[in-house]
Amino acid sequence: MWLVLSGVTLIAATLILVLRKDYSTRGFSDATFIPGVVVLFLFLLRLVRDAGTFDLVSYSISRIFQGTKEKSLDGMKTASEYVEGKRQERLKKDRYYLPYIIIAVAFIVAGVILAYI
């Protein structure tokens, strides 16, 4: 997780720096701050997802697709059964947020420091 997230963030920072062709401290600030904020938003989105916020949306979409494939929806779980099943699955999974937090904070702090040099 660490390697992939930091690699993608570094690639995004490099792309911002190269495509904007601004090699001043402001350019380096933008190139580190923007990917840091994106990683922070990904972390927040993951928190919201892991809280079960999107379970009913996921259930509705699967119900629509199953309804287009089959004539009867009798074998499908009810919404409450689906949400409870997802909650049980989430309890079994390990929630590991540390890479998101550290990488986001590191890039945002670097961006802020470079902005005020």
PDB file of N, CA and C in Angstrom:
ATOM      1  N   MET A   1       0.815  -1.190   0.000  1.00  0.00           N
ATOM      2  CA  MET A   1       0.000   0.000   0.000  1.00  0.00           C
ATOM      3  C   MET A   1       0.860   1.256   0.000  1.00  0.00           C
ATOM      4  N   TRP A   2       1.889   1.245   0.852  1.00  0.00           N
ATOM      5  CA  TRP A   2       2.765   2.413   0.960  1.00  0.00           C
ATOM      6  C   TRP A   2       3.417   2.720  -0.377  1.00  0.00           C
ATOM      7  N   LEU A   3       3.947   1.683  -1.004  1.00  0.00           N
ATOM      8  CA  LEU A   3       4.709   1.871  -2.238  1.00  0.00           C
ATOM      9  C   LEU A   3       3.825   2.376  -3.369  1.00  0.00           C
ATOM     10  N   VAL A   4       2.666   1.795  -3.518  1.00  0.00           N
ATOM     11  CA  VAL A   4       1.759   2.196  -4.598  1.00  0.00           C
ATOM     12  C   VAL A   4       1.261   3.621  -4.386  1.00  0.00           C
ATOM     13  N   LEU A   5       0.811   3.924  -3.194  1.00  0.00           N
ATOM     14  CA  LEU A   5       0.275   5.255  -2.914  1.00  0.00           C
ATOM     15  C   LEU A   5       1.342   6.334  -3.046  1.00  0.00           C
ATOM     16  N   SER A   6       2.519   6.079  -2.512  1.00  0.00           N
ATOM     17  CA  SER A   6       3.574   7.081  -2.640  1.00  0.00           C
ATOM     18  C   SER A   6       4.063   7.199  -4.074  1.00  0.00           C
ATOM     19  N   GLY A   7       4.100   6.082  -4.800  1.00  0.00           N
ATOM     20  CA  GLY A   7       4.506   6.123  -6.204  1.00  0.00           C
ATOM     21  C   GLY A   7       3.544   6.918  -7.063  1.00  0.00           C
ATOM     22  N   VAL A   8       2.267   6.683  -6.893  1.00  0.00           N
ATOM     23  CA  VAL A   8       1.256   7.415  -7.661  1.00  0.00           C
ATOM     24  C   VAL A   8       1.278   8.900  -7.300  1.00  0.00           C
ATOM     25  N   THR A   9       1.465   9.191  -6.027  1.00  0.00           N
ATOM     26  CA  THR A   9       1.525  10.590  -5.597  1.00  0.00           C
ATOM     27  C   THR A   9       2.754  11.283  -6.169  1.00  0.00           C
ATOM     28  N   LEU A  10       3.891  10.615  -6.173  1.00  0.00           N
ATOM     29  CA  LEU A  10       5.105  11.190  -6.759  1.00  0.00           C
ATOM     30  C   LEU A  10       4.966  11.389  -8.265  1.00  0.00           C
ATOM     31  N   ILE A  11       4.331  10.442  -8.940  1.00  0.00           N
ATOM     32  CA  ILE A  11       4.108  10.585 -10.387  1.00  0.00           C
ATOM     33  C   ILE A  11       3.195  11.780 -10.654  1.00  0.00           C
ATOM     34  N   ALA A  12       2.137  11.929  -9.855  1.00  0.00           N
ATOM     35  CA  ALA A  12       1.238  13.078 -10.021  1.00  0.00           C
ATOM     36  C   ALA A  12       1.980  14.385  -9.778  1.00  0.00           C
ATOM     37  N   ALA A  13       2.830  14.425  -8.756  1.00  0.00           N
ATOM     38  CA  ALA A  13       3.598  15.636  -8.465  1.00  0.00           C
ATOM     39  C   ALA A  13       4.552  15.951  -9.611  1.00  0.00           C
ATOM     40  N   THR A  14       5.190  14.939 -10.150  1.00  0.00           N
ATOM     41  CA  THR A  14       6.112  15.139 -11.269  1.00  0.00           C
ATOM     42  C   THR A  14       5.370  15.628 -12.504  1.00  0.00           C
ATOM     43  N   LEU A  15       4.214  15.056 -12.775  1.00  0.00           N
ATOM     44  CA  LEU A  15       3.422  15.496 -13.927  1.00  0.00           C
ATOM     45  C   LEU A  15       2.990  16.954 -13.786  1.00  0.00           C
ATOM     46  N   ILE A  16       2.553  17.328 -12.597  1.00  0.00           N
ATOM     47  CA  ILE A  16       2.156  18.721 -12.372  1.00  0.00           C
ATOM     48  C   ILE A  16       3.337  19.645 -12.598  1.00  0.00           C
ATOM     49  N   LEU A  17       4.476  19.258 -12.086  1.00  0.00           N
ATOM     50  CA  LEU A  17       5.675  20.093 -12.219  1.00  0.00           C
ATOM     51  C   LEU A  17       6.113  20.207 -13.677  1.00  0.00           C
ATOM     52  N   VAL A  18       6.140  19.102 -14.392  1.00  0.00           N
ATOM     53  CA  VAL A  18       6.631  19.096 -15.773  1.00  0.00           C
ATOM     54  C   VAL A  18       5.630  19.746 -16.722  1.00  0.00           C
ATOM     55  N   LEU A  19       4.356  19.442 -16.568  1.00  0.00           N
ATOM     56  CA  LEU A  19       3.361  19.980 -17.498  1.00  0.00           C
ATOM     57  C   LEU A  19       3.160  21.482 -17.329  1.00  0.00           C
ATOM     58  N   ARG A  20       3.321  21.975 -16.114  1.00  0.00           N
ATOM     59  CA  ARG A  20       3.182  23.419 -15.895  1.00  0.00           C
ATOM     60  C   ARG A  20       4.455  24.182 -16.238  1.00  0.00           C
ATOM     61  N   LYS A  21       5.576  23.474 -16.282  1.00  0.00           N
ATOM     62  CA  LYS A  21       6.885  24.060 -16.611  1.00  0.00           C
ATOM     63  C   LYS A  21       7.220  25.241 -15.700  1.00  0.00           C
ATOM     64  N   ASP A  22       6.828  25.130 -14.460  1.00  0.00           N
ATOM     65  CA  ASP A  22       7.123  26.160 -13.465  1.00  0.00           C
ATOM     66  C   ASP A  22       8.053  25.535 -12.432  1.00  0.00           C
ATOM     67  N   TYR A  23       9.336  25.810 -12.579  1.00  0.00           N
ATOM     68  CA  TYR A  23      10.333  25.187 -11.713  1.00  0.00           C
ATOM     69  C   TYR A  23      10.767  26.106 -10.575  1.00  0.00           C
ATOM     70  N   SER A  24       9.938  27.071 -10.265  1.00  0.00           N
ATOM     71  CA  SER A  24      10.215  27.948  -9.124  1.00  0.00           C
ATOM     72  C   SER A  24       9.714  27.257  -7.852  1.00  0.00           C
ATOM     73  N   THR A  25       9.927  27.908  -6.718  1.00  0.00           N
ATOM     74  CA  THR A  25       9.426  27.322  -5.467  1.00  0.00           C
ATOM     75  C   THR A  25       7.902  27.253  -5.463  1.00  0.00           C
ATOM     76  N   ARG A  26       7.261  28.185  -6.149  1.00  0.00           N
ATOM     77  CA  ARG A  26       5.793  28.135  -6.263  1.00  0.00           C
ATOM     78  C   ARG A  26       5.362  26.900  -7.054  1.00  0.00           C
ATOM     79  N   GLY A  27       6.075  26.588  -8.122  1.00  0.00           N
ATOM     80  CA  GLY A  27       5.770  25.399  -8.917  1.00  0.00           C
ATOM     81  C   GLY A  27       5.956  24.125  -8.111  1.00  0.00           C
ATOM     82  N   PHE A  28       7.051  24.064  -7.334  1.00  0.00           N
ATOM     83  CA  PHE A  28       7.267  22.899  -6.478  1.00  0.00           C
ATOM     84  C   PHE A  28       6.225  22.831  -5.365  1.00  0.00           C
ATOM     85  N   SER A  29       5.801  23.972  -4.879  1.00  0.00           N
ATOM     86  CA  SER A  29       4.756  24.007  -3.866  1.00  0.00           C
ATOM     87  C   SER A  29       3.449  23.436  -4.416  1.00  0.00           C
ATOM     88  N   ASP A  30       3.068  23.898  -5.601  1.00  0.00           N
ATOM     89  CA  ASP A  30       1.847  23.372  -6.227  1.00  0.00           C
ATOM     90  C   ASP A  30       1.960  21.878  -6.509  1.00  0.00           C
ATOM     91  N   ALA A  31       3.147  21.460  -6.954  1.00  0.00           N
ATOM     92  CA  ALA A  31       3.356  20.060  -7.323  1.00  0.00           C
ATOM     93  C   ALA A  31       3.317  19.126  -6.117  1.00  0.00           C
ATOM     94  N   THR A  32       3.545  19.639  -4.927  1.00  0.00           N
ATOM     95  CA  THR A  32       3.451  18.786  -3.745  1.00  0.00           C
ATOM     96  C   THR A  32       2.123  18.961  -3.011  1.00  0.00           C
ATOM     97  N   PHE A  33       1.607  20.180  -2.985  1.00  0.00           N
ATOM     98  CA  PHE A  33       0.377  20.445  -2.239  1.00  0.00           C
ATOM     99  C   PHE A  33      -0.844  19.788  -2.894  1.00  0.00           C
ATOM    100  N   ILE A  34      -0.975  19.905  -4.199  1.00  0.00           N
ATOM    101  CA  ILE A  34      -2.164  19.376  -4.891  1.00  0.00           C
ATOM    102  C   ILE A  34      -2.280  17.857  -4.738  1.00  0.00           C
ATOM    103  N   PRO A  35      -1.236  17.060  -5.017  1.00  0.00           N
ATOM    104  CA  PRO A  35      -1.375  15.614  -4.772  1.00  0.00           C
ATOM    105  C   PRO A  35      -1.619  15.272  -3.299  1.00  0.00           C
ATOM    106  N   GLY A  36      -1.067  16.066  -2.386  1.00  0.00           N
ATOM    107  CA  GLY A  36      -1.318  15.829  -0.968  1.00  0.00           C
ATOM    108  C   GLY A  36      -2.786  16.009  -0.607  1.00  0.00           C
ATOM    109  N   VAL A  37      -3.404  17.041  -1.165  1.00  0.00           N
ATOM    110  CA  VAL A  37      -4.832  17.270  -0.910  1.00  0.00           C
ATOM    111  C   VAL A  37      -5.670  16.159  -1.552  1.00  0.00           C
ATOM    112  N   VAL A  38      -5.274  15.694  -2.730  1.00  0.00           N
ATOM    113  CA  VAL A  38      -6.005  14.600  -3.390  1.00  0.00           C
ATOM    114  C   VAL A  38      -5.930  13.329  -2.541  1.00  0.00           C
ATOM    115  N   VAL A  39      -4.764  13.011  -2.001  1.00  0.00           N
ATOM    116  CA  VAL A  39      -4.629  11.835  -1.135  1.00  0.00           C
ATOM    117  C   VAL A  39      -5.461  12.013   0.134  1.00  0.00           C
ATOM    118  N   LEU A  40      -5.507  13.219   0.672  1.00  0.00           N
ATOM    119  CA  LEU A  40      -6.340  13.484   1.846  1.00  0.00           C
ATOM    120  C   LEU A  40      -7.820  13.246   1.533  1.00  0.00           C
ATOM    121  N   PHE A  41      -8.283  13.704   0.377  1.00  0.00           N
ATOM    122  CA  PHE A  41      -9.672  13.464  -0.006  1.00  0.00           C
ATOM    123  C   PHE A  41      -9.940  11.983  -0.253  1.00  0.00           C
ATOM    124  N   LEU A  42      -8.966  11.254  -0.804  1.00  0.00           N
ATOM    125  CA  LEU A  42      -9.128   9.805  -0.973  1.00  0.00           C
ATOM    126  C   LEU A  42      -9.252   9.118   0.381  1.00  0.00           C
ATOM    127  N   PHE A  43      -8.476   9.583   1.345  1.00  0.00           N
ATOM    128  CA  PHE A  43      -8.563   9.044   2.701  1.00  0.00           C
ATOM    129  C   PHE A  43      -9.951   9.293   3.292  1.00  0.00           C
ATOM    130  N   LEU A  44     -10.447  10.513   3.142  1.00  0.00           N
ATOM    131  CA  LEU A  44     -11.774  10.844   3.670  1.00  0.00           C
ATOM    132  C   LEU A  44     -12.866  10.044   2.971  1.00  0.00           C
ATOM    133  N   LEU A  45     -12.723   9.859   1.654  1.00  0.00           N
ATOM    134  CA  LEU A  45     -13.693   9.054   0.915  1.00  0.00           C
ATOM    135  C   LEU A  45     -13.674   7.606   1.390  1.00  0.00           C
ATOM    136  N   ARG A  46     -12.486   7.095   1.672  1.00  0.00           N
ATOM    137  CA  ARG A  46     -12.381   5.726   2.174  1.00  0.00           C
ATOM    138  C   ARG A  46     -13.015   5.598   3.559  1.00  0.00           C
ATOM    139  N   LEU A  47     -12.832   6.613   4.396  1.00  0.00           N
ATOM    140  CA  LEU A  47     -13.484   6.607   5.717  1.00  0.00           C
ATOM    141  C   LEU A  47     -14.999   6.559   5.584  1.00  0.00           C
ATOM    142  N   VAL A  48     -15.516   7.372   4.679  1.00  0.00           N
ATOM    143  CA  VAL A  48     -16.969   7.415   4.470  1.00  0.00           C
ATOM    144  C   VAL A  48     -17.461   6.083   3.922  1.00  0.00           C
ATOM    145  N   ARG A  49     -16.714   5.513   2.982  1.00  0.00           N
ATOM    146  CA  ARG A  49     -17.106   4.216   2.421  1.00  0.00           C
ATOM    147  C   ARG A  49     -17.083   3.136   3.494  1.00  0.00           C
ATOM    148  N   ASP A  50     -16.028   3.124   4.315  1.00  0.00           N
ATOM    149  CA  ASP A  50     -15.919   2.102   5.349  1.00  0.00           C
ATOM    150  C   ASP A  50     -16.956   2.272   6.449  1.00  0.00           C
ATOM    151  N   ALA A  51     -17.555   3.448   6.555  1.00  0.00           N
ATOM    152  CA  ALA A  51     -18.633   3.663   7.521  1.00  0.00           C
ATOM    153  C   ALA A  51     -19.957   3.094   7.006  1.00  0.00           C
ATOM    154  N   GLY A  52     -20.004   2.699   5.743  1.00  0.00           N
ATOM    155  CA  GLY A  52     -21.211   2.088   5.188  1.00  0.00           C
ATOM    156  C   GLY A  52     -22.141   3.068   4.508  1.00  0.00           C
ATOM    157  N   THR A  53     -21.646   4.238   4.198  1.00  0.00           N
ATOM    158  CA  THR A  53     -22.496   5.275   3.620  1.00  0.00           C
ATOM    159  C   THR A  53     -23.046   4.882   2.254  1.00  0.00           C
ATOM    160  N   PHE A  54     -22.271   4.160   1.476  1.00  0.00           N
ATOM    161  CA  PHE A  54     -22.679   3.848   0.110  1.00  0.00           C
ATOM    162  C   PHE A  54     -23.311   2.466  -0.043  1.00  0.00           C
ATOM    163  N   ASP A  55     -23.617   1.799   1.050  1.00  0.00           N
ATOM    164  CA  ASP A  55     -24.171   0.445   0.961  1.00  0.00           C
ATOM    165  C   ASP A  55     -25.516   0.402   0.241  1.00  0.00           C
ATOM    166  N   LEU A  56     -26.399   1.339   0.558  1.00  0.00           N
ATOM    167  CA  LEU A  56     -27.713   1.327  -0.095  1.00  0.00           C
ATOM    168  C   LEU A  56     -27.616   1.670  -1.579  1.00  0.00           C
ATOM    169  N   VAL A  57     -26.698   2.545  -1.934  1.00  0.00           N
ATOM    170  CA  VAL A  57     -26.492   2.865  -3.352  1.00  0.00           C
ATOM    171  C   VAL A  57     -25.991   1.635  -4.078  1.00  0.00           C
ATOM    172  N   SER A  58     -25.038   0.935  -3.476  1.00  0.00           N
ATOM    173  CA  SER A  58     -24.502  -0.294  -4.062  1.00  0.00           C
ATOM    174  C   SER A  58     -25.598  -1.353  -4.201  1.00  0.00           C
ATOM    175  N   TYR A  59     -26.431  -1.475  -3.192  1.00  0.00           N
ATOM    176  CA  TYR A  59     -27.542  -2.426  -3.246  1.00  0.00           C
ATOM    177  C   TYR A  59     -28.513  -2.062  -4.369  1.00  0.00           C
ATOM    178  N   SER A  60     -28.833  -0.794  -4.495  1.00  0.00           N
ATOM    179  CA  SER A  60     -29.776  -0.359  -5.530  1.00  0.00           C
ATOM    180  C   SER A  60     -29.233  -0.650  -6.926  1.00  0.00           C
ATOM    181  N   ILE A  61     -27.972  -0.383  -7.136  1.00  0.00           N
ATOM    182  CA  ILE A  61     -27.374  -0.638  -8.451  1.00  0.00           C
ATOM    183  C   ILE A  61     -27.351  -2.129  -8.749  1.00  0.00           C
ATOM    184  N   SER A  62     -26.976  -2.947  -7.763  1.00  0.00           N
ATOM    185  CA  SER A  62     -26.965  -4.389  -8.005  1.00  0.00           C
ATOM    186  C   SER A  62     -28.381  -4.914  -8.243  1.00  0.00           C
ATOM    187  N   ARG A  63     -29.337  -4.324  -7.574  1.00  0.00           N
ATOM    188  CA  ARG A  63     -30.739  -4.735  -7.773  1.00  0.00           C
ATOM    189  C   ARG A  63     -31.213  -4.383  -9.182  1.00  0.00           C
ATOM    190  N   ILE A  64     -30.819  -3.212  -9.671  1.00  0.00           N
ATOM    191  CA  ILE A  64     -31.193  -2.820 -11.036  1.00  0.00           C
ATOM    192  C   ILE A  64     -30.581  -3.774 -12.055  1.00  0.00           C
ATOM    193  N   PHE A  65     -29.286  -4.081 -11.888  1.00  0.00           N
ATOM    194  CA  PHE A  65     -28.626  -4.971 -12.844  1.00  0.00           C
ATOM    195  C   PHE A  65     -29.179  -6.383 -12.773  1.00  0.00           C
ATOM    196  N   GLN A  66     -29.494  -6.858 -11.578  1.00  0.00           N
ATOM    197  CA  GLN A  66     -30.071  -8.185 -11.462  1.00  0.00           C
ATOM    198  C   GLN A  66     -31.480  -8.202 -12.060  1.00  0.00           C
ATOM    199  N   GLY A  67     -32.199  -7.108 -11.937  1.00  0.00           N
ATOM    200  CA  GLY A  67     -33.541  -7.030 -12.507  1.00  0.00           C
ATOM    201  C   GLY A  67     -33.531  -7.040 -14.015  1.00  0.00           C
ATOM    202  N   THR A  68     -32.475  -6.528 -14.631  1.00  0.00           N
ATOM    203  CA  THR A  68     -32.391  -6.558 -16.093  1.00  0.00           C
ATOM    204  C   THR A  68     -31.966  -7.925 -16.602  1.00  0.00           C
ATOM    205  N   LYS A  69     -31.286  -8.724 -15.774  1.00  0.00           N
ATOM    206  CA  LYS A  69     -30.822 -10.042 -16.199  1.00  0.00           C
ATOM    207  C   LYS A  69     -31.859 -11.132 -15.955  1.00  0.00           C
ATOM    208  N   GLU A  70     -32.598 -10.997 -14.871  1.00  0.00           N
ATOM    209  CA  GLU A  70     -33.550 -12.039 -14.493  1.00  0.00           C
ATOM    210  C   GLU A  70     -34.968 -11.477 -14.474  1.00  0.00           C
ATOM    211  N   LYS A  71     -35.924 -12.384 -14.641  1.00  0.00           N
ATOM    212  CA  LYS A  71     -37.318 -11.955 -14.620  1.00  0.00           C
ATOM    213  C   LYS A  71     -37.833 -11.802 -13.194  1.00  0.00           C
ATOM    214  N   SER A  72     -37.264 -12.539 -12.266  1.00  0.00           N
ATOM    215  CA  SER A  72     -37.739 -12.503 -10.880  1.00  0.00           C
ATOM    216  C   SER A  72     -36.611 -12.062  -9.951  1.00  0.00           C
ATOM    217  N   LEU A  73     -36.951 -11.258  -8.971  1.00  0.00           N
ATOM    218  CA  LEU A  73     -35.978 -10.811  -7.980  1.00  0.00           C
ATOM    219  C   LEU A  73     -36.173 -11.519  -6.641  1.00  0.00           C
ATOM    220  N   ASP A  74     -36.827 -12.673  -6.667  1.00  0.00           N
ATOM    221  CA  ASP A  74     -37.156 -13.370  -5.424  1.00  0.00           C
ATOM    222  C   ASP A  74     -35.919 -13.854  -4.666  1.00  0.00           C
ATOM    223  N   GLY A  75     -34.857 -14.242  -5.361  1.00  0.00           N
ATOM    224  CA  GLY A  75     -33.681 -14.790  -4.693  1.00  0.00           C
ATOM    225  C   GLY A  75     -32.743 -13.748  -4.130  1.00  0.00           C
ATOM    226  N   MET A  76     -33.007 -12.503  -4.381  1.00  0.00           N
ATOM    227  CA  MET A  76     -32.101 -11.446  -3.929  1.00  0.00           C
ATOM    228  C   MET A  76     -32.395 -11.042  -2.488  1.00  0.00           C
ATOM    229  N   LYS A  77     -31.323 -10.662  -1.777  1.00  0.00           N
ATOM    230  CA  LYS A  77     -31.468 -10.233  -0.393  1.00  0.00           C
ATOM    231  C   LYS A  77     -32.267  -8.936  -0.318  1.00  0.00           C
ATOM    232  N   THR A  78     -32.874  -8.711   0.841  1.00  0.00           N
ATOM    233  CA  THR A  78     -33.520  -7.424   1.068  1.00  0.00           C
ATOM    234  C   THR A  78     -32.434  -6.386   1.377  1.00  0.00           C
ATOM    235  N   ALA A  79     -32.814  -5.128   1.384  1.00  0.00           N
ATOM    236  CA  ALA A  79     -31.848  -4.059   1.634  1.00  0.00           C
ATOM    237  C   ALA A  79     -31.216  -4.192   3.020  1.00  0.00           C
ATOM    238  N   SER A  80     -32.006  -4.509   4.009  1.00  0.00           N
ATOM    239  CA  SER A  80     -31.454  -4.631   5.363  1.00  0.00           C
ATOM    240  C   SER A  80     -30.503  -5.823   5.474  1.00  0.00           C
ATOM    241  N   GLU A  81     -30.823  -6.934   4.811  1.00  0.00           N
ATOM    242  CA  GLU A  81     -29.921  -8.086   4.810  1.00  0.00           C
ATOM    243  C   GLU A  81     -28.609  -7.749   4.097  1.00  0.00           C
ATOM    244  N   TYR A  82     -28.707  -7.018   2.997  1.00  0.00           N
ATOM    245  CA  TYR A  82     -27.517  -6.629   2.238  1.00  0.00           C
ATOM    246  C   TYR A  82     -26.616  -5.718   3.070  1.00  0.00           C
ATOM    247  N   VAL A  83     -27.199  -4.719   3.715  1.00  0.00           N
ATOM    248  CA  VAL A  83     -26.426  -3.777   4.525  1.00  0.00           C
ATOM    249  C   VAL A  83     -25.793  -4.497   5.710  1.00  0.00           C
ATOM    250  N   GLU A  84     -26.529  -5.386   6.344  1.00  0.00           N
ATOM    251  CA  GLU A  84     -25.981  -6.145   7.471  1.00  0.00           C
ATOM    252  C   GLU A  84     -24.839  -7.055   7.015  1.00  0.00           C
ATOM    253  N   GLY A  85     -24.980  -7.675   5.853  1.00  0.00           N
ATOM    254  CA  GLY A  85     -23.906  -8.510   5.314  1.00  0.00           C
ATOM    255  C   GLY A  85     -22.650  -7.703   5.024  1.00  0.00           C
ATOM    256  N   LYS A  86     -22.825  -6.519   4.464  1.00  0.00           N
ATOM    257  CA  LYS A  86     -21.683  -5.640   4.196  1.00  0.00           C
ATOM    258  C   LYS A  86     -21.025  -5.200   5.496  1.00  0.00           C
ATOM    259  N   ARG A  87     -21.822  -4.933   6.517  1.00  0.00           N
ATOM    260  CA  ARG A  87     -21.275  -4.523   7.803  1.00  0.00           C
ATOM    261  C   ARG A  87     -20.437  -5.649   8.411  1.00  0.00           C
ATOM    262  N   GLN A  88     -20.923  -6.878   8.292  1.00  0.00           N
ATOM    263  CA  GLN A  88     -20.169  -8.026   8.798  1.00  0.00           C
ATOM    264  C   GLN A  88     -18.860  -8.206   8.031  1.00  0.00           C
ATOM    265  N   GLU A  89     -18.885  -7.985   6.713  1.00  0.00           N
ATOM    266  CA  GLU A  89     -17.664  -8.063   5.909  1.00  0.00           C
ATOM    267  C   GLU A  89     -16.661  -6.999   6.342  1.00  0.00           C
ATOM    268  N   ARG A  90     -17.138  -5.797   6.605  1.00  0.00           N
ATOM    269  CA  ARG A  90     -16.253  -4.709   7.027  1.00  0.00           C
ATOM    270  C   ARG A  90     -15.604  -4.992   8.373  1.00  0.00           C
ATOM    271  N   LEU A  91     -16.328  -5.668   9.257  1.00  0.00           N
ATOM    272  CA  LEU A  91     -15.768  -5.986  10.569  1.00  0.00           C
ATOM    273  C   LEU A  91     -14.610  -6.971  10.457  1.00  0.00           C
ATOM    274  N   LYS A  92     -14.626  -7.815   9.436  1.00  0.00           N
ATOM    275  CA  LYS A  92     -13.568  -8.798   9.237  1.00  0.00           C
ATOM    276  C   LYS A  92     -12.331  -8.183   8.588  1.00  0.00           C
ATOM    277  N   LYS A  93     -12.506  -7.115   7.830  1.00  0.00           N
ATOM    278  CA  LYS A  93     -11.387  -6.504   7.123  1.00  0.00           C
ATOM    279  C   LYS A  93     -10.570  -5.622   8.048  1.00  0.00           C
ATOM    280  N   ASP A  94      -9.276  -5.545   7.732  1.00  0.00           N
ATOM    281  CA  ASP A  94      -8.376  -4.678   8.484  1.00  0.00           C
ATOM    282  C   ASP A  94      -8.433  -3.280   7.889  1.00  0.00           C
ATOM    283  N   ARG A  95      -8.699  -2.300   8.720  1.00  0.00           N
ATOM    284  CA  ARG A  95      -8.734  -0.910   8.264  1.00  0.00           C
ATOM    285  C   ARG A  95      -7.370  -0.292   8.537  1.00  0.00           C
ATOM    286  N   TYR A  96      -6.656   0.003   7.468  1.00  0.00           N
ATOM    287  CA  TYR A  96      -5.299   0.513   7.582  1.00  0.00           C
ATOM    288  C   TYR A  96      -5.229   1.839   6.857  1.00  0.00           C
ATOM    289  N   TYR A  97      -5.257   2.941   7.619  1.00  0.00           N
ATOM    290  CA  TYR A  97      -5.306   4.272   7.042  1.00  0.00           C
ATOM    291  C   TYR A  97      -3.992   5.039   7.151  1.00  0.00           C
ATOM    292  N   LEU A  98      -3.023   4.480   7.837  1.00  0.00           N
ATOM    293  CA  LEU A  98      -1.783   5.198   8.102  1.00  0.00           C
ATOM    294  C   LEU A  98      -1.069   5.704   6.847  1.00  0.00           C
ATOM    295  N   PRO A  99      -0.968   4.924   5.759  1.00  0.00           N
ATOM    296  CA  PRO A  99      -0.299   5.457   4.569  1.00  0.00           C
ATOM    297  C   PRO A  99      -0.973   6.712   4.021  1.00  0.00           C
ATOM    298  N   TYR A 100      -2.289   6.731   4.009  1.00  0.00           N
ATOM    299  CA  TYR A 100      -3.011   7.901   3.518  1.00  0.00           C
ATOM    300  C   TYR A 100      -2.680   9.140   4.353  1.00  0.00           C
ATOM    301  N   ILE A 101      -2.705   8.967   5.660  1.00  0.00           N
ATOM    302  CA  ILE A 101      -2.492  10.104   6.553  1.00  0.00           C
ATOM    303  C   ILE A 101      -1.072  10.635   6.430  1.00  0.00           C
ATOM    304  N   ILE A 102      -0.095   9.747   6.500  1.00  0.00           N
ATOM    305  CA  ILE A 102       1.305  10.187   6.479  1.00  0.00           C
ATOM    306  C   ILE A 102       1.680  10.813   5.149  1.00  0.00           C
ATOM    307  N   ILE A 103       1.290  10.195   4.050  1.00  0.00           N
ATOM    308  CA  ILE A 103       1.648  10.736   2.733  1.00  0.00           C
ATOM    309  C   ILE A 103       0.935  12.058   2.482  1.00  0.00           C
ATOM    310  N   ALA A 104      -0.342  12.137   2.841  1.00  0.00           N
ATOM    311  CA  ALA A 104      -1.076  13.395   2.643  1.00  0.00           C
ATOM    312  C   ALA A 104      -0.464  14.518   3.467  1.00  0.00           C
ATOM    313  N   VAL A 105      -0.189  14.260   4.726  1.00  0.00           N
ATOM    314  CA  VAL A 105       0.385  15.294   5.594  1.00  0.00           C
ATOM    315  C   VAL A 105       1.771  15.699   5.103  1.00  0.00           C
ATOM    316  N   ALA A 106       2.586  14.740   4.699  1.00  0.00           N
ATOM    317  CA  ALA A 106       3.939  15.048   4.229  1.00  0.00           C
ATOM    318  C   ALA A 106       3.900  15.951   2.996  1.00  0.00           C
ATOM    319  N   PHE A 107       3.047  15.620   2.032  1.00  0.00           N
ATOM    320  CA  PHE A 107       2.975  16.417   0.809  1.00  0.00           C
ATOM    321  C   PHE A 107       2.358  17.795   1.075  1.00  0.00           C
ATOM    322  N   ILE A 108       1.340  17.854   1.916  1.00  0.00           N
ATOM    323  CA  ILE A 108       0.713  19.144   2.214  1.00  0.00           C
ATOM    324  C   ILE A 108       1.682  20.043   2.982  1.00  0.00           C
ATOM    325  N   VAL A 109       2.376  19.505   3.964  1.00  0.00           N
ATOM    326  CA  VAL A 109       3.347  20.296   4.726  1.00  0.00           C
ATOM    327  C   VAL A 109       4.470  20.768   3.809  1.00  0.00           C
ATOM    328  N   ALA A 110       4.955  19.884   2.939  1.00  0.00           N
ATOM    329  CA  ALA A 110       6.006  20.293   1.994  1.00  0.00           C
ATOM    330  C   ALA A 110       5.503  21.421   1.088  1.00  0.00           C
ATOM    331  N   GLY A 111       4.271  21.319   0.622  1.00  0.00           N
ATOM    332  CA  GLY A 111       3.703  22.356  -0.221  1.00  0.00           C
ATOM    333  C   GLY A 111       3.565  23.690   0.487  1.00  0.00           C
ATOM    334  N   VAL A 112       3.143  23.649   1.744  1.00  0.00           N
ATOM    335  CA  VAL A 112       2.986  24.879   2.527  1.00  0.00           C
ATOM    336  C   VAL A 112       4.347  25.504   2.820  1.00  0.00           C
ATOM    337  N   ILE A 113       5.321  24.691   3.174  1.00  0.00           N
ATOM    338  CA  ILE A 113       6.666  25.211   3.439  1.00  0.00           C
ATOM    339  C   ILE A 113       7.257  25.844   2.178  1.00  0.00           C
ATOM    340  N   LEU A 114       7.109  25.180   1.048  1.00  0.00           N
ATOM    341  CA  LEU A 114       7.632  25.727  -0.204  1.00  0.00           C
ATOM    342  C   LEU A 114       6.894  27.002  -0.626  1.00  0.00           C
ATOM    343  N   ALA A 115       5.644  27.137  -0.240  1.00  0.00           N
ATOM    344  CA  ALA A 115       4.892  28.329  -0.595  1.00  0.00           C
ATOM    345  C   ALA A 115       5.391  29.566   0.136  1.00  0.00           C
ATOM    346  N   TYR A 116       5.962  29.363   1.313  1.00  0.00           N
ATOM    347  CA  TYR A 116       6.389  30.517   2.111  1.00  0.00           C
ATOM    348  C   TYR A 116       7.905  30.700   2.156  1.00  0.00           C
ATOM    349  N   ILE A 117       8.620  30.065   1.243  1.00  0.00           N
ATOM    350  CA  ILE A 117      10.078  30.276   1.147  1.00  0.00           C
ATOM    351  C   ILE A 117      10.346  31.481   0.279  1.00  0.00           C
TER     352      ILE A 117
END
